[in-house]
C-alpha atoms as a PDB file:
ATOM      1  CA  MET A   1     -50.635  -1.443  47.382  1.00  0.00           C
ATOM      2  CA  LYS A   2     -52.114  -3.569  50.111  1.00  0.00           C
ATOM      3  CA  ARG A   3     -55.435  -3.606  48.344  1.00  0.00           C
ATOM      4  CA  TRP A   4     -53.832  -4.834  45.114  1.00  0.00           C
ATOM      5  CA  ILE A   5     -52.172  -7.716  46.981  1.00  0.00           C
ATOM      6  CA  ASP A   6     -55.525  -8.578  48.544  1.00  0.00           C
ATOM      7  CA  ASP A   7     -57.170  -8.559  45.100  1.00  0.00           C
ATOM      8  CA  VAL A   8     -54.529 -10.897  43.649  1.00  0.00           C
ATOM      9  CA  GLY A   9     -54.888 -13.202  46.667  1.00  0.00           C
ATOM     10  CA  THR A  10     -58.670 -13.285  46.261  1.00  0.00           C
ATOM     11  CA  TRP A  11     -58.350 -14.073  42.553  1.00  0.00           C
ATOM     12  CA  ALA A  12     -55.811 -16.877  43.189  1.00  0.00           C
ATOM     13  CA  SER A  13     -58.053 -18.493  45.818  1.00  0.00           C
ATOM     14  CA  SER A  14     -61.028 -18.404  43.445  1.00  0.00           C
ATOM     15  CA  LEU A  15     -59.201 -20.523  40.826  1.00  0.00           C
ATOM     16  CA  ARG A  16     -60.216 -24.162  40.758  1.00  0.00           C
ATOM     17  CA  PHE A  17     -57.805 -26.682  39.273  1.00  0.00           C
ATOM     18  CA  SER A  18     -59.034 -29.934  37.935  1.00  0.00           C
ATOM     19  CA  GLY A  19     -57.050 -32.877  36.625  1.00  0.00           C
ATOM     20  CA  PHE A  20     -57.964 -31.953  33.052  1.00  0.00           C
ATOM     21  CA  THR A  21     -56.563 -28.424  33.525  1.00  0.00           C
ATOM     22  CA  VAL A  22     -53.302 -29.765  34.859  1.00  0.00           C
ATOM     23  CA  VAL A  23     -52.989 -32.226  31.925  1.00  0.00           C
ATOM     24  CA  VAL A  24     -53.658 -29.479  29.356  1.00  0.00           C
ATOM     25  CA  VAL A  25     -51.087 -27.125  30.949  1.00  0.00           C
ATOM     26  CA  VAL A  26     -48.477 -29.920  31.025  1.00  0.00           C
ATOM     27  CA  LEU A  27     -49.187 -30.779  27.358  1.00  0.00           C
ATOM     28  CA  VAL A  28     -48.874 -27.125  26.311  1.00  0.00           C
ATOM     29  CA  LEU A  29     -45.554 -26.760  28.149  1.00  0.00           C
ATOM     30  CA  ALA A  30     -44.275 -30.026  26.625  1.00  0.00           C
ATOM     31  CA  GLY A  31     -45.295 -28.807  23.154  1.00  0.00           C
ATOM     32  CA  ILE A  32     -43.405 -25.541  23.672  1.00  0.00           C
ATOM     33  CA  VAL A  33     -40.289 -27.413  24.790  1.00  0.00           C
ATOM     34  CA  ILE A  34     -40.517 -29.783  21.814  1.00  0.00           C
ATOM     35  CA  VAL A  35     -41.233 -27.113  19.178  1.00  0.00           C
ATOM     36  CA  SER A  36     -38.776 -24.377  20.362  1.00  0.00           C
ATOM     37  CA  PRO A  37     -35.574 -25.980  18.932  1.00  0.00           C
ATOM     38  CA  SER A  38     -37.292 -26.554  15.600  1.00  0.00           C
ATOM     39  CA  LEU A  39     -38.602 -23.007  15.636  1.00  0.00           C
ATOM     40  CA  SER A  40     -35.120 -21.551  16.332  1.00  0.00           C
ATOM     41  CA  THR A  41     -33.693 -23.703  13.513  1.00  0.00           C
ATOM     42  CA  PHE A  42     -36.430 -22.436  11.195  1.00  0.00           C
ATOM     43  CA  VAL A  43     -35.654 -18.795  12.056  1.00  0.00           C
ATOM     44  CA  GLN A  44     -31.905 -19.365  11.566  1.00  0.00           C
ATOM     45  CA  GLN A  45     -32.445 -21.048   8.201  1.00  0.00           C
ATOM     46  CA  ARG A  46     -34.703 -18.214   7.033  1.00  0.00           C
ATOM     47  CA  ARG A  47     -31.942 -15.740   7.969  1.00  0.00           C
ATOM     48  CA  GLU A  48     -29.357 -17.784   6.016  1.00  0.00           C
ATOM     49  CA  ILE A  49     -31.692 -17.958   3.010  1.00  0.00           C
ATOM     50  CA  ALA A  50     -32.050 -14.166   3.067  1.00  0.00           C
ATOM     51  CA  GLU A  51     -28.251 -13.740   3.219  1.00  0.00           C
ATOM     52  CA  LEU A  52     -27.746 -16.192   0.340  1.00  0.00           C
ATOM     53  CA  ARG A  53     -30.365 -14.415  -1.763  1.00  0.00           C
ATOM     54  CA  GLU A  54     -28.529 -11.132  -1.177  1.00  0.00           C
ATOM     55  CA  SER A  55     -25.249 -12.795  -2.181  1.00  0.00           C
ATOM     56  CA  VAL A  56     -26.862 -14.168  -5.352  1.00  0.00           C
ATOM     57  CA  ARG A  57     -28.233 -10.696  -6.156  1.00  0.00           C
ATOM     58  CA  GLN A  58     -24.781  -9.110  -5.758  1.00  0.00           C
ATOM     59  CA  SER A  59     -23.191 -11.818  -7.890  1.00  0.00           C
ATOM     60  CA  GLN A  60     -25.817 -11.320 -10.577  1.00  0.00           C
ATOM     61  CA  GLU A  61     -25.104  -7.566 -10.590  1.00  0.00           C
ATOM     62  CA  ALA A  62     -21.374  -8.303 -11.002  1.00  0.00           C
ATOM     63  CA  VAL A  63     -22.125 -10.683 -13.882  1.00  0.00           C
ATOM     64  CA  ASN A  64     -24.334  -8.045 -15.524  1.00  0.00           C
ATOM     65  CA  GLU A  65     -21.541  -5.459 -15.226  1.00  0.00           C
ATOM     66  CA  ILE A  66     -19.035  -7.878 -16.761  1.00  0.00           C
ATOM     67  CA  ASP A  67     -21.448  -8.677 -19.603  1.00  0.00           C
ATOM     68  CA  ALA A  68     -21.905  -4.970 -20.259  1.00  0.00           C
ATOM     69  CA  GLU A  69     -18.112  -4.490 -20.308  1.00  0.00           C
ATOM     70  CA  ARG A  70     -17.742  -7.439 -22.694  1.00  0.00           C
ATOM     71  CA  ALA A  71     -20.390  -5.951 -24.966  1.00  0.00           C
ATOM     72  CA  LYS A  72     -18.448  -2.665 -25.012  1.00  0.00           C
ATOM     73  CA  TRP A  73     -15.277  -4.458 -26.067  1.00  0.00           C
ATOM     74  CA  LYS A  74     -17.102  -6.039 -28.990  1.00  0.00           C
ATOM     75  CA  ASP A  75     -17.736  -2.553 -30.396  1.00  0.00           C
ATOM     76  CA  PRO A  76     -14.820  -1.544 -32.691  1.00  0.00           C
ATOM     77  CA  VAL A  77     -15.300   2.155 -31.917  1.00  0.00           C
ATOM     78  CA  TYR A  78     -14.849   1.510 -28.186  1.00  0.00           C
ATOM     79  CA  VAL A  79     -11.759  -0.637 -28.816  1.00  0.00           C
ATOM     80  CA  ARG A  80     -10.266   2.090 -31.000  1.00  0.00           C
ATOM     81  CA  SER A  81     -10.931   4.769 -28.359  1.00  0.00           C
ATOM     82  CA  GLN A  82      -9.366   2.603 -25.620  1.00  0.00           C
ATOM     83  CA  ALA A  83      -6.296   1.980 -27.777  1.00  0.00           C
ATOM     84  CA  ARG A  84      -5.938   5.723 -28.288  1.00  0.00           C
ATOM     85  CA  ASP A  85      -6.371   6.515 -24.583  1.00  0.00           C
ATOM     86  CA  ARG A  86      -4.428   3.688 -22.998  1.00  0.00           C
ATOM     87  CA  LEU A  87      -1.753   2.823 -25.563  1.00  0.00           C
ATOM     88  CA  PHE A  88      -1.469   6.215 -27.266  1.00  0.00           C
ATOM     89  CA  TYR A  89      -2.137   4.729 -30.711  1.00  0.00           C
ATOM     90  CA  VAL A  90      -3.073   6.990 -33.596  1.00  0.00           C
ATOM     91  CA  MET A  91      -4.514   6.325 -37.005  1.00  0.00           C
ATOM     92  CA  PRO A  92      -2.195   6.642 -40.015  1.00  0.00           C
ATOM     93  CA  GLY A  93      -1.738  10.287 -40.947  1.00  0.00           C
ATOM     94  CA  GLU A  94      -2.702  11.629 -37.498  1.00  0.00           C
ATOM     95  CA  THR A  95      -0.343  13.383 -35.102  1.00  0.00           C
ATOM     96  CA  GLN A  96      -0.362  12.451 -31.397  1.00  0.00           C
ATOM     97  CA  VAL A  97      -0.159  15.319 -28.909  1.00  0.00           C
ATOM     98  CA  ASN A  98       0.316  14.438 -25.232  1.00  0.00           C
ATOM     99  CA  VAL A  99      -0.042  16.926 -22.392  1.00  0.00           C
ATOM    100  CA  ILE A 100       2.284  15.710 -19.665  1.00  0.00           C
ATOM    101  CA  ASP A 101       1.932  18.256 -16.847  1.00  0.00           C
ATOM    102  CA  ASP A 102      -0.688  20.841 -17.537  1.00  0.00           C
ATOM    103  CA  ILE A 103       1.599  23.736 -16.539  1.00  0.00           C
ATOM    104  CA  VAL A 104       1.425  27.014 -18.374  1.00  0.00           C
ATOM    105  CA  MET A 105       4.901  27.817 -19.646  1.00  0.00           C
ATOM    106  CA  PRO A 106       5.896  31.328 -20.682  1.00  0.00           C
ATOM    107  CA  ILE A 107       6.004  31.684 -24.455  1.00  0.00           C
ATOM    108  CA  GLU A 108       9.339  33.448 -24.594  1.00  0.00           C
ATOM    109  CA  SER A 109      11.744  34.656 -21.987  1.00  0.00           C
ATOM    110  CA  ASP A 110      14.165  37.582 -22.176  1.00  0.00           C
ATOM    111  CA  GLU A 111      16.697  35.803 -19.970  1.00  0.00           C
ATOM    112  CA  GLU A 112      19.727  34.274 -21.624  1.00  0.00           C
ATOM    113  CA  PRO A 113      21.003  30.988 -20.267  1.00  0.00           C
ATOM    114  CA  ASP A 114      24.165  31.315 -18.219  1.00  0.00           C
ATOM    115  CA  PRO A 115      27.085  29.514 -19.936  1.00  0.00           C
ATOM    116  CA  GLU A 116      28.583  28.754 -16.505  1.00  0.00           C
ATOM    117  CA  LEU A 117      25.603  26.587 -15.678  1.00  0.00           C
ATOM    118  CA  SER A 118      25.964  24.445 -18.766  1.00  0.00           C
ATOM    119  CA  ARG A 119      29.739  24.002 -18.600  1.00  0.00           C
ATOM    120  CA  ILE A 120      31.117  20.976 -16.746  1.00  0.00           C
ATOM    121  CA  PRO A 121      34.322  21.854 -14.847  1.00  0.00           C
ATOM    122  CA  SER A 122      35.927  18.413 -15.229  1.00  0.00           C
ATOM    123  CA  ASN A 123      35.629  15.318 -17.322  1.00  0.00           C
ATOM    124  CA  TRP A 124      34.137  12.738 -14.983  1.00  0.00           C
ATOM    125  CA  ALA A 125      34.734   9.856 -17.396  1.00  0.00           C
ATOM    126  CA  ARG A 126      38.469  10.594 -17.567  1.00  0.00           C
ATOM    127  CA  SER A 127      38.604  10.881 -13.763  1.00  0.00           C
ATOM    128  CA  LEU A 128      36.811   7.570 -13.379  1.00  0.00           C
ATOM    129  CA  SER A 129      39.118   5.745 -15.783  1.00  0.00           C
ATOM    130  CA  ALA A 130      42.225   7.276 -14.149  1.00  0.00           C
ATOM    131  CA  SER A 131      40.991   6.185 -10.735  1.00  0.00           C
ATOM    132  CA  PHE A 132      40.262   2.695 -12.036  1.00  0.00           C
ATOM    133  CA  LEU A 133      43.686   2.326 -13.596  1.00  0.00           C
ATOM    134  CA  SER A 134      45.601   3.747 -10.638  1.00  0.00           C
ATOM    135  CA  ALA A 135      43.755   1.542  -8.151  1.00  0.00           C
ATOM    136  CA  GLY A 136      45.374  -1.583  -9.524  1.00  0.00           C
ATOM    137  CA  THR A 137      48.855  -0.139 -10.067  1.00  0.00           C
ATOM    138  CA  THR A 138      50.581   0.814  -6.822  1.00  0.00           C
ATOM    139  CA  ASP A 139      54.289   0.889  -5.937  1.00  0.00           C
ATOM    140  CA  ALA A 140      53.774  -0.573  -2.478  1.00  0.00           C
ATOM    141  CA  PRO A 141      54.834  -4.202  -1.981  1.00  0.00           C
ATOM    142  CA  PRO A 142      52.034  -6.619  -1.122  1.00  0.00           C
ATOM    143  CA  THR A 143      51.690  -7.105   2.607  1.00  0.00           C
ATOM    144  CA  ASP A 144      50.619 -10.175   4.514  1.00  0.00           C
ATOM    145  CA  PRO A 145      47.536  -9.305   6.588  1.00  0.00           C
ATOM    146  CA  ALA A 146      48.703 -11.601   9.415  1.00  0.00           C
ATOM    147  CA  SER A 147      52.104  -9.894   9.722  1.00  0.00           C
ATOM    148  CA  ALA A 148      50.723  -6.330   9.515  1.00  0.00           C
ATOM    149  CA  PRO A 149      50.969  -4.450  12.833  1.00  0.00           C
ATOM    150  CA  SER A 150      47.668  -3.681  14.492  1.00  0.00           C
ATOM    151  CA  ASP A 151      48.676  -0.116  15.342  1.00  0.00           C
ATOM    152  CA  THR A 152      49.179   1.357  11.878  1.00  0.00           C
ATOM    153  CA  ALA A 153      50.117   4.896  11.072  1.00  0.00           C
ATOM    154  CA  PRO A 154      47.596   7.054   9.202  1.00  0.00           C
ATOM    155  CA  ASP A 155      47.608   6.776   5.431  1.00  0.00           C
ATOM    156  CA  ALA A 156      49.978   9.296   3.923  1.00  0.00           C
ATOM    157  CA  THR A 157      47.787   9.823   0.884  1.00  0.00           C
ATOM    158  CA  ASP A 158      44.752  10.895   2.935  1.00  0.00           C
ATOM    159  CA  PRO A 159      44.804  14.726   3.047  1.00  0.00           C
ATOM    160  CA  GLU A 160      42.814  14.882   6.266  1.00  0.00           C
ATOM    161  CA  THR A 161      45.294  12.749   8.229  1.00  0.00           C
ATOM    162  CA  ASP A 162      48.517  13.767   6.438  1.00  0.00           C
ATOM    163  CA  PRO A 163      50.571  15.665   9.062  1.00  0.00           C
ATOM    164  CA  VAL A 164      53.057  17.162   6.596  1.00  0.00           C
ATOM    165  CA  ASP A 165      50.611  18.617   4.107  1.00  0.00           C
ATOM    166  CA  PRO A 166      51.200  22.399   4.301  1.00  0.00           C
ATOM    167  CA  ALA A 167      48.010  23.166   2.363  1.00  0.00           C
ATOM    168  CA  SER A 168      45.835  21.251   4.799  1.00  0.00           C
ATOM    169  CA  PRO A 169      43.602  23.571   6.830  1.00  0.00           C
ATOM    170  CA  GLN A 170      43.690  21.191   9.814  1.00  0.00           C
ATOM    171  CA  ASN A 171      47.489  21.265  10.076  1.00  0.00           C
ATOM    172  CA  PRO A 172      48.828  24.820   9.740  1.00  0.00           C
ATOM    173  CA  VAL A 173      52.474  23.612   9.896  1.00  0.00           C
ATOM    174  CA  GLU A 174      54.929  25.617   7.872  1.00  0.00           C
ATOM    175  CA  GLU A 175      58.032  24.060   6.394  1.00  0.00           C
ATOM    176  CA  THR A 176      61.267  25.517   7.604  1.00  0.00           C
ATOM    177  CA  PRO A 177      64.378  25.409   5.395  1.00  0.00           C
ATOM    178  CA  GLN A 178      67.212  23.244   6.776  1.00  0.00           C
END
């Protein structure tokens, strides 16, 4: 290592600098300082040009795809096939068959449908109309909300809170004859 340092020292002492050498070195350094911003701008612009060319290429591919799609739609056979597929159109005299869920169904079954499953135990429409009509026709006098007591007794028509309902499972109270 010491020998290498001695060699570098010997080489440095052998260099002779003249005024011309100093002027040339200063001019080269000044040229580098002057040209470097322009060079970085040039490199950046070349990168932007490459990105824009790629963007133009992608746009041209999209335009080509759209032109190809437009050319397809000019073909009456393609339009007819799209109408059949998308809108389920058929030509006069044809029969349309649609497969909804491609599930294999058994051809015939030996099981008979249970009549209990298809019978409705009550008429919901009659119950709805009866409830609608009875909601507006009560025997209770109208009460003023301001004069109503805040501590009200439970509603006597509610089977869960009715204390005298003998059929209620919550209140097993039996009536005694008096």
